[in-house]
Amino acid sequence: MPFIKEYKLQYFLVLIGILLTVSATTATAHIMKPLMDEMFIEKKEDMLYLIPFGLVGIYFFKSIGRYMQSVFMAYIGQHIITRLREILLEKIINLDMTFLYLNRSGELISRITNDIDRIRYFVSNMLPELFRESLTVVALVGYVIYLNPLLAFYSLVLMPLIIYPLLLIAKKLKKYSRRSQEKNADVVSRLSEVFNNAEIIKANATQKFEINRFSIENWKFFKINMKAIYVGDIVSPMMEIVGAMGLAAVIFVGGREVYNGNMSVGEFTAFLTAVGLVFQPIRRIGTIYSKIQDAIAASERVFEVLDTKNKIVDGNKVLEDDITHIEYKDVKLKYDDFYALDTINIDIKQGQNIALVGDSGGGKSTFINMLLRFYDPDSGEVLINGTNIQEFTQDSLKHHISLVTQRIYIFQDTLAANVAYGQEVDEDRVKEALKLADAWDFVNSLENGIDTKMEEFGSNLSGGQRQRIAIARAIYKHASLILFDEATSALDNESEKRIHAALDAYTKDKITITIAHRLSTIEHADKILVMQKGKIVASGKHSELLEHSEVYQRLAGTFKN
């Protein structure tokens, strides 16, 4: 309703269109009286001209009305869902990472596309039809009561009997519609998984296996939709039967009225036409009401997301200065029944290069994610420049942080736009960043250089090239805190050495935190934090840890050179 209320002018024009349509429909019934009585029975010659012209006029105004209603309701529907898609995407993308991890991408895509399109169909098609058909019923019922109240009673007495079964059908349909939308999300999720993992599917020759998995979801979707059709499509024939019974009553009672001289043939014809016309919109209302359940189920799914509260609450301070000091004070974070971080205390200052090492699941990525506020601690606090990180706005905080992960994100845009991601493209800065990331030689050899269009996932680049672009992106941002999560895993030793040599000078006034499994990355760090089961079990330089830490000694044997 808050969306719909914003379109007063368009709804006013729709109302005019509906009034023209309803008036024309009622006039169609009314013209039957002079057609029968004055043209055929009394044989008035002027009626030979007036009635055809009148009929053309009626349908002319009816056509204008339908066109106005159709165009402006389509505008309202399209405009609302276009805005709603943006609002829903903005909501989803701003929710905390826990929500995004727990919900499949296919499920979220389905809500933005399929569910919202069902709402559009309701707003653009069903809502105006419901309004128009309701007004048509009111106008025609008023007209038949005006013509003959007794006959109107006999013709319409059966209508209230249909309401209870209609409510039961609607309840069932809503349940099936929700299940259908959930299953549609499963189908989209399966497709997303297939397309995102096409390389591994091809490599393992598992196309048949994936098609079978998709087929299971696809046919479940079919069965749920058919259940909805079996139930929903019973409304129309049920209304037809009731309409036929009403018309039968009209013909029987009205025929007696004509025989007894209480009604003229023209009055009876007009009455019969009006009753015939009134059952059509009543039947349509019944069908629309059952189909509305689909839109209600879709809107509930959409507004479930819009009503979701973000666990990560934005602060109101703007972080304007560079990050020069980071402190973890007794930081704890629990996942289910284990600690991802357990009583972490560390002080990091400007210019320091910190390395994180440890077994898988030791808490290294969570340590980094805390600084990005993907998660907030259950207890303790993370301080940036002496202020609790939660007091800052997330946008201003992330403006000072560059992240490079093992998983490389390349967008379908130019190479330059990928390096300058989210910022204005400065070609000189792009080139400088590419040189520092040891990427300039291969970029310069591309046909269009930095203007080369990247394909989906950067598939027109090698893994090492994609990783260099990601490092260049972090450099271009010129942030005061740089986070590397296995950022050089796809590079050969020589390339990594060149990048580290260039980055040493670049990061001397910045804080660098690196998760790595390469000795060359770790051994020159100012401080190495050894993490196990969410705890820092040892810290110090490479040589110190080799001498005093058994855990580090074991890990050092697994490091790549």
Protein backbone atom coordinates (compact mmCIF):
# COMPACT_ATOMS: atom_id res chain seq x y z
CA MET A 1 0.00 0.00 0.00
CA PRO A 2 2.75 2.57 0.73
CA PHE A 3 3.97 2.04 -2.85
CA ILE A 4 0.52 2.12 -4.42
CA LYS A 5 -0.44 5.37 -2.66
CA GLU A 6 2.30 7.27 -4.50
CA TYR A 7 0.53 6.99 -7.87
CA LYS A 8 -2.53 9.18 -7.28
CA LEU A 9 -2.58 10.77 -10.78
CA GLN A 10 -2.20 7.44 -12.57
CA TYR A 11 -4.90 5.84 -10.40
CA PHE A 12 -7.22 8.79 -11.12
CA LEU A 13 -6.77 8.18 -14.87
CA VAL A 14 -7.29 4.43 -14.30
CA LEU A 15 -10.51 5.24 -12.41
CA ILE A 16 -11.76 7.32 -15.36
CA GLY A 17 -10.98 4.38 -17.65
CA ILE A 18 -12.80 1.95 -15.34
CA LEU A 19 -15.87 4.24 -15.07
CA LEU A 20 -16.02 4.49 -18.88
CA THR A 21 -15.76 0.68 -19.16
CA VAL A 22 -18.37 0.00 -16.45
CA SER A 23 -20.78 2.62 -17.85
CA ALA A 24 -20.42 1.16 -21.34
CA THR A 25 -21.03 -2.38 -20.04
CA THR A 26 -24.21 -1.27 -18.25
CA ALA A 27 -25.31 0.67 -21.36
CA THR A 28 -24.88 -2.54 -23.41
CA ALA A 29 -27.60 -4.18 -21.29
CA HIS A 30 -29.80 -1.06 -21.29
CA ILE A 31 -29.79 -0.72 -25.11
CA MET A 32 -31.45 -4.14 -25.37
CA LYS A 33 -34.77 -2.67 -24.17
CA PRO A 34 -35.26 -0.14 -27.04
CA LEU A 35 -33.74 -2.69 -29.43
CA MET A 36 -36.51 -5.20 -28.68
CA ASP A 37 -39.45 -2.95 -27.80
CA GLU A 38 -39.04 0.07 -30.09
CA MET A 39 -37.05 -1.36 -33.00
CA PHE A 40 -38.45 -4.87 -33.43
CA ILE A 41 -41.91 -4.76 -31.80
CA GLU A 42 -42.99 -1.11 -32.35
CA LYS A 43 -40.84 -0.91 -35.53
CA LYS A 44 -39.77 2.73 -35.06
CA GLU A 45 -37.67 3.54 -38.12
CA ASP A 46 -35.38 6.07 -36.40
CA MET A 47 -34.21 3.27 -34.11
CA LEU A 48 -32.63 1.59 -37.15
CA TYR A 49 -30.09 4.45 -37.10
CA LEU A 50 -29.92 5.37 -33.43
CA ILE A 51 -29.29 1.92 -31.98
CA PRO A 52 -26.37 0.93 -34.31
CA PHE A 53 -24.76 4.35 -33.76
CA GLY A 54 -25.42 4.04 -30.02
CA LEU A 55 -23.85 0.58 -29.97
CA VAL A 56 -20.72 1.86 -31.79
CA GLY A 57 -20.54 4.80 -29.35
CA ILE A 58 -20.83 2.48 -26.34
CA TYR A 59 -17.96 0.29 -27.54
CA PHE A 60 -15.90 3.33 -28.54
CA PHE A 61 -16.01 4.67 -24.96
CA LYS A 62 -15.52 1.17 -23.59
CA SER A 63 -12.35 0.74 -25.72
CA ILE A 64 -10.95 4.12 -24.61
CA GLY A 65 -11.66 3.19 -20.98
CA ARG A 66 -9.97 -0.21 -21.29
CA TYR A 67 -6.93 1.34 -23.00
CA MET A 68 -6.54 4.02 -20.30
CA GLN A 69 -6.88 1.43 -17.56
CA SER A 70 -4.47 -1.01 -19.21
CA VAL A 71 -1.71 1.52 -19.98
CA PHE A 72 -1.70 3.36 -16.64
CA MET A 73 -2.00 0.20 -14.54
CA ALA A 74 0.89 -1.34 -16.49
CA TYR A 75 2.90 1.84 -15.80
CA ILE A 76 2.12 1.62 -12.07
CA GLY A 77 2.96 -2.09 -11.93
CA GLN A 78 6.21 -1.81 -13.88
CA HIS A 79 7.30 1.29 -11.93
CA ILE A 80 6.57 -0.31 -8.55
CA ILE A 81 8.41 -3.56 -9.26
CA THR A 82 11.37 -1.76 -10.83
CA ARG A 83 11.75 0.23 -7.61
CA LEU A 84 11.03 -2.84 -5.49
CA ARG A 85 13.81 -4.83 -7.20
CA GLU A 86 16.30 -2.07 -6.39
CA ILE A 87 15.05 -1.78 -2.80
CA LEU A 88 15.24 -5.56 -2.32
CA LEU A 89 18.75 -5.80 -3.80
CA GLU A 90 19.89 -2.86 -1.67
CA LYS A 91 18.44 -4.56 1.42
CA ILE A 92 20.02 -7.94 0.64
CA ILE A 93 23.45 -6.55 -0.21
CA ASN A 94 23.49 -4.49 3.00
CA LEU A 95 22.49 -7.37 5.26
CA ASP A 96 25.28 -8.97 7.27
CA MET A 97 27.44 -11.70 5.75
CA THR A 98 25.82 -14.36 7.97
CA PHE A 99 22.53 -13.83 6.11
CA LEU A 100 24.29 -14.05 2.72
CA TYR A 101 26.18 -17.20 3.74
CA LEU A 102 23.02 -18.93 5.00
CA ASN A 103 20.86 -18.08 1.95
CA ARG A 104 21.67 -19.58 -1.43
CA SER A 105 22.28 -17.12 -4.26
CA GLY A 106 19.57 -18.86 -6.32
CA GLU A 107 17.05 -18.31 -3.51
CA LEU A 108 17.86 -14.59 -3.36
CA ILE A 109 17.82 -14.21 -7.16
CA SER A 110 14.43 -15.93 -7.24
CA ARG A 111 13.02 -13.40 -4.76
CA ILE A 112 14.31 -10.45 -6.79
CA THR A 113 13.06 -11.82 -10.13
CA ASN A 114 10.33 -14.46 -9.87
CA ASP A 115 8.59 -13.33 -6.66
CA ILE A 116 8.58 -9.65 -7.62
CA ASP A 117 7.29 -10.49 -11.10
CA ARG A 118 4.31 -12.24 -9.48
CA ILE A 119 3.65 -9.06 -7.51
CA ARG A 120 3.89 -7.06 -10.77
CA TYR A 121 1.27 -9.30 -12.37
CA PHE A 122 -1.03 -8.62 -9.43
CA VAL A 123 -0.52 -4.83 -9.45
CA SER A 124 -0.63 -4.43 -13.26
CA ASN A 125 -3.30 -6.98 -14.16
CA MET A 126 -5.29 -8.42 -11.29
CA LEU A 127 -5.74 -5.33 -9.11
CA PRO A 128 -7.33 -3.17 -11.85
CA GLU A 129 -9.40 -6.12 -13.05
CA LEU A 130 -10.64 -6.74 -9.51
CA PHE A 131 -11.57 -3.07 -9.14
CA ARG A 132 -13.21 -2.88 -12.58
CA GLU A 133 -15.14 -6.13 -12.25
CA SER A 134 -16.32 -5.17 -8.75
CA LEU A 135 -17.64 -1.82 -10.02
CA THR A 136 -19.23 -3.60 -13.00
CA VAL A 137 -21.02 -6.02 -10.65
CA VAL A 138 -22.27 -3.14 -8.47
CA ALA A 139 -23.53 -1.21 -11.52
CA LEU A 140 -25.22 -4.21 -13.15
CA VAL A 141 -26.75 -5.49 -9.89
CA GLY A 142 -28.11 -2.00 -9.28
CA TYR A 143 -29.56 -1.98 -12.79
CA VAL A 144 -31.25 -5.40 -12.50
CA ILE A 145 -32.74 -4.44 -9.12
CA TYR A 146 -34.03 -1.23 -10.74
CA LEU A 147 -35.63 -3.24 -13.56
CA ASN A 148 -37.27 -5.90 -11.38
CA PRO A 149 -36.38 -6.41 -7.68
CA LEU A 150 -38.22 -9.77 -7.39
CA LEU A 151 -36.54 -11.23 -10.45
CA ALA A 152 -33.18 -9.86 -9.29
CA PHE A 153 -33.60 -11.79 -6.00
CA TYR A 154 -34.22 -15.10 -7.81
CA SER A 155 -31.28 -14.57 -10.17
CA LEU A 156 -28.71 -13.58 -7.48
CA VAL A 157 -29.81 -15.65 -4.46
CA LEU A 158 -27.28 -18.39 -5.24
CA MET A 159 -24.23 -16.09 -5.24
CA PRO A 160 -23.55 -16.02 -1.45
CA LEU A 161 -23.36 -19.85 -1.49
CA ILE A 162 -20.15 -19.68 -3.49
CA ILE A 163 -18.18 -17.56 -0.97
CA TYR A 164 -17.28 -20.30 1.57
CA PRO A 165 -15.84 -22.82 -0.93
CA LEU A 166 -14.01 -19.94 -2.62
CA LEU A 167 -12.31 -19.04 0.68
CA LEU A 168 -11.27 -22.68 1.20
CA ILE A 169 -9.83 -22.86 -2.32
CA ALA A 170 -7.95 -19.58 -1.82
CA LYS A 171 -6.38 -20.87 1.41
CA LYS A 172 -5.16 -24.01 -0.35
CA LEU A 173 -3.88 -22.02 -3.32
CA LYS A 174 -1.82 -19.72 -1.10
CA LYS A 175 -0.09 -22.78 0.40
CA TYR A 176 0.64 -24.24 -3.04
CA SER A 177 1.83 -20.85 -4.36
CA ARG A 178 4.34 -20.49 -1.55
CA ARG A 179 5.63 -24.02 -2.12
CA SER A 180 5.85 -23.31 -5.86
CA GLN A 181 7.93 -20.16 -5.25
CA GLU A 182 10.23 -22.03 -2.86
CA LYS A 183 10.68 -24.82 -5.39
CA ASN A 184 11.35 -22.25 -8.13
CA ALA A 185 14.17 -20.95 -5.92
CA ASP A 186 15.54 -24.53 -5.74
CA VAL A 187 15.49 -24.76 -9.54
CA VAL A 188 17.29 -21.40 -9.92
CA SER A 189 19.84 -22.44 -7.26
CA ARG A 190 20.54 -25.68 -9.09
CA LEU A 191 21.02 -23.77 -12.39
CA SER A 192 23.33 -21.22 -10.71
CA GLU A 193 25.42 -24.05 -9.30
CA VAL A 194 25.67 -25.75 -12.69
CA PHE A 195 26.76 -22.60 -14.55
CA ASN A 196 29.16 -21.46 -11.82
CA ASN A 197 30.83 -24.88 -11.70
CA ALA A 198 30.78 -25.71 -15.42
CA GLU A 199 34.54 -26.26 -15.48
CA ILE A 200 34.58 -28.95 -12.78
CA ILE A 201 31.45 -30.58 -14.28
CA LYS A 202 33.13 -30.84 -17.68
CA ALA A 203 36.41 -32.01 -16.14
CA ASN A 204 34.65 -34.88 -14.33
CA ALA A 205 32.22 -35.69 -17.17
CA THR A 206 29.32 -35.35 -14.71
CA GLN A 207 26.88 -33.64 -17.08
CA LYS A 208 24.43 -36.54 -16.82
CA PHE A 209 24.67 -36.52 -13.02
CA GLU A 210 23.92 -32.77 -12.88
CA ILE A 211 21.05 -33.05 -15.38
CA ASN A 212 19.51 -35.80 -13.21
CA ARG A 213 19.84 -33.61 -10.09
CA PHE A 214 18.24 -30.70 -11.96
CA SER A 215 15.52 -32.97 -13.32
CA ILE A 216 14.45 -34.01 -9.79
CA GLU A 217 13.90 -30.37 -8.75
CA ASN A 218 12.35 -29.48 -12.10
CA TRP A 219 9.67 -32.20 -11.91
CA LYS A 220 8.92 -31.44 -8.27
CA PHE A 221 8.28 -27.87 -9.43
CA PHE A 222 5.96 -29.22 -12.15
CA LYS A 223 3.95 -31.33 -9.65
CA ILE A 224 3.45 -28.44 -7.22
CA ASN A 225 2.33 -26.16 -10.07
CA MET A 226 -0.12 -28.79 -11.30
CA LYS A 227 -1.63 -29.12 -7.80
CA ALA A 228 -2.20 -25.35 -7.83
CA ILE A 229 -3.78 -25.60 -11.30
CA TYR A 230 -6.07 -28.50 -10.26
CA VAL A 231 -7.36 -26.49 -7.31
CA GLY A 232 -7.34 -23.00 -8.89
CA ASP A 233 -9.02 -23.93 -12.16
CA ILE A 234 -12.05 -25.40 -10.37
CA VAL A 235 -13.20 -21.84 -9.53
CA SER A 236 -14.21 -20.91 -13.09
CA PRO A 237 -16.43 -23.98 -13.81
CA MET A 238 -17.96 -23.70 -10.34
CA MET A 239 -18.90 -20.08 -11.06
CA GLU A 240 -20.20 -21.09 -14.51
CA ILE A 241 -22.54 -23.65 -12.93
CA VAL A 242 -23.83 -21.11 -10.41
CA GLY A 243 -24.26 -18.56 -13.23
CA ALA A 244 -26.18 -21.08 -15.34
CA MET A 245 -28.47 -21.85 -12.38
CA GLY A 246 -29.08 -18.12 -11.91
CA LEU A 247 -29.89 -17.64 -15.60
CA ALA A 248 -32.20 -20.66 -15.51
CA ALA A 249 -34.07 -19.06 -12.60
CA VAL A 250 -34.32 -15.76 -14.55
CA ILE A 251 -35.68 -17.48 -17.67
CA PHE A 252 -38.25 -19.46 -15.65
CA VAL A 253 -39.49 -16.60 -13.43
CA GLY A 254 -39.04 -13.90 -16.11
CA GLY A 255 -40.87 -16.00 -18.70
CA ARG A 256 -43.88 -16.20 -16.37
CA GLU A 257 -43.74 -12.41 -15.84
CA VAL A 258 -43.85 -11.86 -19.64
CA TYR A 259 -46.69 -14.39 -20.06
CA ASN A 260 -48.66 -12.63 -17.31
CA GLY A 261 -48.10 -9.22 -18.92
CA ASN A 262 -46.03 -7.85 -16.00
CA MET A 263 -42.95 -7.32 -18.20
CA SER A 264 -42.40 -6.37 -21.82
CA VAL A 265 -40.20 -8.48 -24.05
CA GLY A 266 -37.68 -5.59 -24.20
CA GLU A 267 -37.54 -5.30 -20.39
CA PHE A 268 -37.01 -9.04 -20.07
CA THR A 269 -34.28 -9.02 -22.76
CA ALA A 270 -32.52 -6.09 -21.03
CA PHE A 271 -32.81 -7.90 -17.69
CA LEU A 272 -31.54 -11.19 -19.13
CA THR A 273 -28.62 -9.40 -20.82
CA ALA A 274 -27.73 -7.58 -17.58
CA VAL A 275 -27.84 -10.80 -15.54
CA GLY A 276 -25.76 -12.55 -18.21
CA LEU A 277 -23.26 -9.71 -18.04
CA VAL A 278 -23.18 -9.64 -14.22
CA PHE A 279 -22.22 -13.31 -13.95
CA GLN A 280 -19.16 -12.78 -16.14
CA PRO A 281 -17.45 -10.25 -13.79
CA ILE A 282 -18.55 -12.28 -10.75
CA ARG A 283 -16.86 -15.32 -12.26
CA ARG A 284 -13.78 -13.20 -13.03
CA ILE A 285 -13.70 -11.91 -9.42
CA GLY A 286 -13.73 -15.48 -8.16
CA THR A 287 -10.86 -16.43 -10.48
CA ILE A 288 -8.89 -13.26 -9.60
CA TYR A 289 -9.38 -13.84 -5.87
CA SER A 290 -7.93 -17.33 -6.18
CA LYS A 291 -4.97 -16.05 -8.24
CA ILE A 292 -4.30 -13.21 -5.79
CA GLN A 293 -3.09 -15.87 -3.34
CA ASP A 294 -0.05 -16.34 -5.57
CA ALA A 295 0.81 -12.63 -5.28
CA ILE A 296 0.18 -12.67 -1.51
CA ALA A 297 2.57 -15.61 -1.06
CA ALA A 298 5.17 -13.83 -3.24
CA SER A 299 4.83 -10.54 -1.36
CA GLU A 300 5.22 -12.35 1.97
CA ARG A 301 8.50 -13.85 0.72
CA VAL A 302 9.72 -10.44 -0.48
CA PHE A 303 8.75 -8.62 2.70
CA GLU A 304 10.30 -11.35 4.84
CA VAL A 305 13.63 -10.14 3.45
CA LEU A 306 12.74 -6.44 3.67
CA ASP A 307 11.72 -6.91 7.32
CA THR A 308 14.92 -8.81 8.24
CA LYS A 309 16.91 -6.91 10.85
CA ASN A 310 20.62 -6.49 10.24
CA LYS A 311 22.71 -7.97 13.05
CA ILE A 312 25.58 -5.64 12.13
CA VAL A 313 24.34 -2.21 13.22
CA ASP A 314 25.98 0.79 11.56
CA GLY A 315 27.76 3.34 13.74
CA ASN A 316 27.38 7.08 13.27
CA LYS A 317 31.01 8.26 13.37
CA VAL A 318 32.84 8.86 10.10
CA LEU A 319 36.40 7.48 10.01
CA GLU A 320 38.24 10.28 8.26
CA ASP A 321 41.88 9.64 9.21
CA ASP A 322 44.00 6.74 8.00
CA ILE A 323 44.00 3.57 10.12
CA THR A 324 47.20 3.80 12.18
CA HIS A 325 46.40 1.56 15.15
CA ILE A 326 44.40 -1.65 15.54
CA GLU A 327 43.76 -3.36 18.85
CA TYR A 328 41.87 -6.55 19.71
CA LYS A 329 40.79 -6.64 23.37
CA ASP A 330 39.58 -10.02 24.72
CA VAL A 331 37.71 -10.66 21.45
CA LYS A 332 35.51 -13.77 21.40
CA LEU A 333 33.24 -15.05 18.62
CA LYS A 334 31.36 -18.31 18.77
CA TYR A 335 29.95 -20.32 15.84
CA ASP A 336 27.41 -22.85 17.06
CA ASP A 337 29.35 -24.87 19.68
CA PHE A 338 32.95 -23.78 18.98
CA TYR A 339 34.93 -20.56 19.22
CA ALA A 340 36.08 -19.06 15.92
CA LEU A 341 38.00 -16.50 17.98
CA ASP A 342 38.77 -17.09 21.64
CA THR A 343 40.17 -14.31 23.85
CA ILE A 344 42.21 -12.55 21.16
CA ASN A 345 44.49 -9.75 22.38
CA ILE A 346 46.81 -8.06 19.89
CA ASP A 347 48.11 -4.55 19.21
CA ILE A 348 49.04 -3.60 15.59
CA LYS A 349 50.59 -0.26 14.61
CA GLN A 350 51.11 1.69 11.41
CA GLY A 351 53.83 0.30 9.14
CA GLN A 352 53.64 -3.22 10.59
CA ASN A 353 53.37 -6.28 8.39
CA ILE A 354 51.49 -9.01 10.28
CA ALA A 355 51.27 -12.62 9.05
CA LEU A 356 48.62 -15.11 10.20
CA VAL A 357 49.42 -18.83 10.06
CA GLY A 358 47.75 -21.93 11.42
CA ASP A 359 45.73 -25.01 10.62
CA SER A 360 42.55 -24.74 8.57
CA GLY A 361 39.69 -23.53 10.76
CA GLY A 362 42.07 -21.87 13.20
CA GLY A 363 40.34 -18.48 12.93
CA LYS A 364 42.63 -16.63 10.49
CA SER A 365 39.90 -15.52 8.04
CA THR A 366 37.57 -14.65 10.93
CA PHE A 367 40.33 -12.45 12.38
CA ILE A 368 40.39 -10.48 9.09
CA ASN A 369 36.60 -10.49 8.71
CA MET A 370 36.27 -8.77 12.10
CA LEU A 371 38.06 -5.74 10.67
CA LEU A 372 35.60 -5.64 7.75
CA ARG A 373 32.69 -6.04 10.19
CA PHE A 374 31.43 -9.14 8.44
CA TYR A 375 30.97 -10.23 12.07
CA ASP A 376 30.92 -8.45 15.41
CA PRO A 377 32.45 -10.04 18.52
CA ASP A 378 30.22 -11.77 21.06
CA SER A 379 32.39 -10.16 23.74
CA GLY A 380 35.43 -7.92 23.85
CA GLU A 381 36.08 -5.17 21.31
CA VAL A 382 38.08 -4.29 18.23
CA LEU A 383 39.53 -0.77 18.33
CA ILE A 384 40.53 1.33 15.33
CA ASN A 385 42.67 4.36 16.24
CA GLY A 386 41.51 3.88 19.84
CA THR A 387 37.76 3.87 19.00
CA ASN A 388 35.47 0.82 19.01
CA ILE A 389 35.05 -0.27 15.38
CA GLN A 390 31.27 -0.50 15.90
CA GLU A 391 31.02 3.27 16.36
CA PHE A 392 32.11 3.97 12.77
CA THR A 393 29.89 3.93 9.70
CA GLN A 394 30.70 0.83 7.66
CA ASP A 395 31.19 2.81 4.45
CA SER A 396 33.79 5.13 5.99
CA LEU A 397 35.55 2.18 7.65
CA LYS A 398 35.77 0.13 4.44
CA HIS A 399 36.96 3.18 2.52
CA HIS A 400 40.28 2.73 4.41
CA ILE A 401 40.55 -1.07 3.86
CA SER A 402 41.68 -3.03 0.80
CA LEU A 403 40.98 -6.77 0.65
CA VAL A 404 42.49 -9.37 -1.67
CA THR A 405 41.24 -12.93 -1.19
CA GLN A 406 42.12 -16.30 -2.64
CA ARG A 407 38.83 -16.16 -4.53
CA ILE A 408 39.21 -13.49 -7.21
CA TYR A 409 36.24 -11.32 -8.18
CA ILE A 410 36.30 -9.99 -11.75
CA PHE A 411 33.31 -8.03 -13.04
CA GLN A 412 32.00 -7.80 -16.60
CA ASP A 413 33.52 -4.41 -17.35
CA THR A 414 36.79 -3.07 -18.71
CA LEU A 415 40.04 -4.10 -17.08
CA ALA A 416 40.59 -0.48 -15.99
CA ALA A 417 37.13 -0.37 -14.35
CA ASN A 418 37.97 -3.60 -12.51
CA VAL A 419 41.16 -2.07 -11.12
CA ALA A 420 39.39 1.17 -10.15
CA TYR A 421 36.32 -0.76 -8.95
CA GLY A 422 33.75 1.58 -7.39
CA GLN A 423 35.89 4.68 -8.06
CA GLU A 424 36.45 7.02 -10.97
CA VAL A 425 38.93 5.60 -13.48
CA ASP A 426 42.23 7.49 -13.54
CA GLU A 427 44.31 5.86 -16.30
CA ASP A 428 47.66 6.94 -14.84
CA ARG A 429 46.76 5.51 -11.43
CA VAL A 430 45.49 2.31 -13.06
CA LYS A 431 48.78 1.85 -14.92
CA GLU A 432 50.79 2.56 -11.78
CA ALA A 433 48.76 0.00 -9.79
CA LEU A 434 49.20 -2.60 -12.55
CA LYS A 435 52.96 -2.06 -12.56
CA LEU A 436 53.19 -2.51 -8.78
CA ALA A 437 51.12 -5.70 -9.12
CA ASP A 438 53.48 -7.03 -11.82
CA ALA A 439 50.54 -6.99 -14.27
CA TRP A 440 51.53 -4.24 -16.70
CA ASP A 441 53.42 -6.46 -19.15
CA PHE A 442 50.53 -8.83 -19.81
CA VAL A 443 47.92 -6.01 -19.81
CA ASN A 444 50.00 -4.00 -22.29
CA SER A 445 50.10 -7.02 -24.60
CA LEU A 446 46.28 -7.24 -24.74
CA GLU A 447 44.71 -5.87 -27.93
CA ASN A 448 42.79 -3.13 -26.11
CA GLY A 449 45.11 -2.80 -23.12
CA ILE A 450 43.37 -1.47 -20.01
CA ASP A 451 40.16 -1.05 -22.05
CA THR A 452 39.90 -4.79 -22.66
CA LYS A 453 36.44 -6.06 -21.72
CA MET A 454 36.51 -8.73 -19.01
CA GLU A 455 34.30 -11.77 -19.50
CA GLU A 456 32.21 -13.30 -16.72
CA PHE A 457 34.47 -14.32 -13.79
CA GLY A 458 37.42 -13.02 -15.82
CA SER A 459 37.45 -16.20 -17.90
CA ASN A 460 39.56 -14.52 -20.62
CA LEU A 461 42.46 -14.26 -18.12
CA SER A 462 44.60 -16.92 -16.45
CA GLY A 463 44.37 -17.53 -12.69
CA GLY A 464 47.63 -15.67 -12.06
CA GLN A 465 46.53 -12.74 -14.22
CA ARG A 466 43.24 -12.47 -12.33
CA GLN A 467 45.16 -12.47 -9.05
CA ARG A 468 47.41 -9.64 -10.24
CA ILE A 469 44.33 -7.59 -11.22
CA ALA A 470 42.92 -8.13 -7.70
CA ILE A 471 46.20 -6.94 -6.14
CA ALA A 472 46.22 -3.91 -8.48
CA ARG A 473 42.66 -3.14 -7.32
CA ALA A 474 43.81 -3.12 -3.69
CA ILE A 475 46.74 -0.82 -4.57
CA TYR A 476 44.54 1.56 -6.59
CA LYS A 477 42.26 2.06 -3.61
CA HIS A 478 45.22 3.50 -1.71
CA ALA A 479 43.87 2.25 1.63
CA SER A 480 45.74 2.48 4.93
CA LEU A 481 44.94 -1.14 5.89
CA ILE A 482 45.59 -3.94 3.39
CA LEU A 483 44.31 -7.47 4.00
CA PHE A 484 45.73 -10.35 1.97
CA ASP A 485 44.01 -13.73 2.27
CA GLU A 486 46.17 -16.17 0.28
CA ALA A 487 46.46 -13.32 -2.26
CA THR A 488 49.43 -14.78 -4.18
CA SER A 489 48.46 -18.47 -4.19
CA ALA A 490 48.12 -18.59 -8.00
CA LEU A 491 51.47 -16.87 -8.70
CA ASP A 492 54.84 -18.45 -9.40
CA ASN A 493 57.72 -17.74 -7.03
CA GLU A 494 59.40 -15.18 -9.28
CA SER A 495 56.19 -13.18 -9.79
CA GLU A 496 55.50 -13.26 -6.07
CA LYS A 497 58.99 -11.97 -5.27
CA ARG A 498 58.61 -9.07 -7.72
CA ILE A 499 55.21 -8.14 -6.26
CA HIS A 500 56.52 -8.31 -2.67
CA ALA A 501 59.51 -6.16 -3.59
CA ALA A 502 57.20 -3.52 -5.08
CA LEU A 503 54.72 -3.76 -2.18
CA ASP A 504 57.41 -3.40 0.49
CA ALA A 505 57.95 0.24 -0.48
CA TYR A 506 54.24 0.85 -1.11
CA THR A 507 53.09 -0.51 2.28
CA LYS A 508 55.78 0.99 4.54
CA ASP A 509 53.32 3.56 5.97
CA LYS A 510 50.35 1.15 6.02
CA ILE A 511 49.19 -1.80 8.11
CA THR A 512 49.37 -5.07 6.21
CA ILE A 513 47.80 -8.31 7.50
CA THR A 514 48.48 -11.43 5.46
CA ILE A 515 47.15 -14.99 5.64
CA ALA A 516 49.70 -17.14 3.84
CA HIS A 517 51.19 -20.59 3.51
CA ARG A 518 54.36 -19.57 1.69
CA LEU A 519 57.63 -19.18 3.53
CA SER A 520 58.64 -16.27 1.27
CA THR A 521 55.53 -14.36 2.37
CA ILE A 522 55.90 -15.11 6.06
CA GLU A 523 59.61 -14.93 6.85
CA HIS A 524 59.89 -11.14 6.31
CA ALA A 525 56.80 -10.28 8.40
CA ASP A 526 57.31 -7.97 11.40
CA LYS A 527 55.20 -10.31 13.50
CA ILE A 528 53.71 -13.75 12.86
CA LEU A 529 50.58 -14.82 14.76
CA VAL A 530 50.18 -18.58 15.09
CA MET A 531 46.47 -19.45 15.44
CA GLN A 532 44.82 -22.68 16.58
CA LYS A 533 41.16 -23.23 17.43
CA GLY A 534 40.52 -19.49 17.54
CA LYS A 535 43.44 -18.67 19.83
CA ILE A 536 46.81 -17.03 19.26
CA VAL A 537 49.09 -19.76 20.60
CA ALA A 538 52.37 -18.04 19.66
CA SER A 539 53.62 -14.80 18.15
CA GLY A 540 56.95 -13.37 17.04
CA LYS A 541 59.33 -13.23 14.10
CA HIS A 542 60.01 -16.23 11.91
CA SER A 543 63.38 -17.03 13.53
CA GLU A 544 62.00 -16.65 17.08
CA LEU A 545 59.07 -18.95 16.41
CA LEU A 546 61.26 -21.59 14.78
CA GLU A 547 63.26 -21.65 18.00
CA HIS A 548 60.49 -21.54 20.62
CA SER A 549 57.17 -22.73 19.12
CA GLU A 550 56.56 -26.43 18.44
CA VAL A 551 53.29 -25.61 16.63
CA TYR A 552 55.10 -23.21 14.31
CA GLN A 553 57.91 -25.71 13.75
CA ARG A 554 55.33 -28.25 12.60
CA LEU A 555 53.58 -25.70 10.37
CA ALA A 556 56.89 -24.49 8.91
CA GLY A 557 57.46 -27.96 7.51
CA THR A 558 54.28 -27.59 5.45
CA PHE A 559 55.04 -24.11 4.05
CA LYS A 560 55.70 -23.76 0.34
CA ASN A 561 58.97 -22.16 -0.66
